[in-house]
Amino acid sequence: MADGKISTEESKDLSRQFIEAVKAQGIAYRGNLETLTSYFQETLNIIQQQAVNAAEAQKTTESLKAQLESVKKQVITIQRQRKNSR
């Protein structure tokens, strides 16, 4: 190439280098895509676990509210009984 002309051997070498560069880009692209896919899957798993946790927390809250209402009714009943016994 120094003489301004490309020989057959130089042309083959340039083609080989070009193909290697394209393959390397494809491998890098595939690696980036796999990394992104993995990241999104991990994020989805976290979101799903948070949804499960939120549902469990909601059930626990509802259960505690029901227990509190039951205790309130018992207190009112005890207060009435004390008031009536006097």
Protein backbone atom coordinates (compact mmCIF):
# COMPACT_ATOMS: atom_id res chain seq x y z
CA MET A 1 0.00 0.00 0.00
CA ALA A 2 2.97 2.29 0.45
CA ASP A 3 3.24 2.47 -3.32
CA GLY A 4 -0.40 3.57 -3.61
CA LYS A 5 -1.52 0.22 -4.94
CA ILE A 6 -3.14 -2.65 -3.09
CA SER A 7 -1.81 -6.07 -3.89
CA THR A 8 -3.93 -9.22 -3.75
CA GLU A 9 -2.23 -10.24 -0.53
CA GLU A 10 -2.83 -6.81 1.04
CA SER A 11 -6.46 -6.91 -0.10
CA LYS A 12 -6.94 -10.32 1.51
CA ASP A 13 -5.28 -9.07 4.70
CA LEU A 14 -7.52 -5.97 4.78
CA SER A 15 -10.59 -8.16 4.20
CA ARG A 16 -9.53 -10.49 7.02
CA GLN A 17 -8.97 -7.54 9.37
CA PHE A 18 -12.35 -6.06 8.41
CA ILE A 19 -14.12 -9.37 9.05
CA GLU A 20 -12.38 -9.74 12.42
CA ALA A 21 -13.38 -6.19 13.37
CA VAL A 22 -17.01 -6.85 12.39
CA LYS A 23 -17.01 -10.12 14.36
CA ALA A 24 -15.52 -8.36 17.39
CA GLN A 25 -18.25 -5.72 17.19
CA GLY A 26 -20.88 -8.44 16.95
CA ILE A 27 -19.43 -10.23 19.97
CA ALA A 28 -19.33 -6.96 21.91
CA TYR A 29 -22.91 -6.17 20.85
CA ARG A 30 -24.08 -9.64 21.87
CA GLY A 31 -22.28 -9.29 25.21
CA ASN A 32 -23.90 -5.90 25.83
CA LEU A 33 -27.29 -7.29 24.89
CA GLU A 34 -26.85 -10.25 27.25
CA THR A 35 -25.78 -7.89 30.04
CA LEU A 36 -28.83 -5.68 29.48
CA THR A 37 -31.13 -8.69 29.31
CA SER A 38 -29.68 -9.99 32.56
CA TYR A 39 -30.06 -6.57 34.20
CA PHE A 40 -33.71 -6.29 33.13
CA GLN A 41 -34.43 -9.83 34.33
CA GLU A 42 -32.91 -9.07 37.74
CA THR A 43 -34.94 -5.86 37.92
CA LEU A 44 -38.11 -7.74 37.03
CA ASN A 45 -37.37 -10.34 39.71
CA ILE A 46 -36.91 -7.59 42.31
CA ILE A 47 -40.16 -5.89 41.28
CA GLN A 48 -42.04 -9.20 41.46
CA GLN A 49 -40.61 -9.90 44.93
CA GLN A 50 -41.58 -6.42 46.07
CA ALA A 51 -45.12 -7.04 44.80
CA VAL A 52 -45.25 -10.28 46.78
CA ASN A 53 -43.89 -8.49 49.85
CA ALA A 54 -46.44 -5.69 49.43
CA ALA A 55 -49.29 -8.20 49.16
CA GLU A 56 -48.08 -9.98 52.29
CA ALA A 57 -47.75 -6.67 54.12
CA GLN A 58 -51.31 -5.76 53.08
CA LYS A 59 -52.61 -9.08 54.42
CA THR A 60 -50.72 -8.56 57.69
CA THR A 61 -52.10 -5.03 58.00
CA GLU A 62 -55.64 -6.23 57.43
CA SER A 63 -55.19 -8.99 59.99
CA LEU A 64 -53.82 -6.54 62.55
CA LYS A 65 -56.73 -4.15 61.92
CA ALA A 66 -59.20 -6.99 62.48
CA GLN A 67 -57.42 -7.97 65.71
CA LEU A 68 -57.46 -4.35 66.88
CA GLU A 69 -61.20 -4.10 66.22
CA SER A 70 -61.73 -7.29 68.19
CA VAL A 71 -59.70 -5.92 71.13
CA LYS A 72 -61.66 -2.64 70.99
CA LYS A 73 -64.96 -4.56 71.18
CA GLN A 74 -63.66 -6.57 74.12
CA VAL A 75 -62.60 -3.38 75.94
CA ILE A 76 -66.01 -1.82 75.34
CA THR A 77 -67.70 -4.96 76.62
CA ILE A 78 -65.52 -4.99 79.75
CA GLN A 79 -66.18 -1.30 80.35
CA ARG A 80 -69.95 -1.85 80.06
CA GLN A 81 -69.81 -4.79 82.41
CA ARG A 82 -67.90 -2.75 84.99
CA LYS A 83 -70.27 0.16 84.61
CA ASN A 84 -73.32 -2.11 85.04
CA SER A 85 -71.86 -3.90 88.06
CA ARG A 86 -71.54 -0.68 90.05
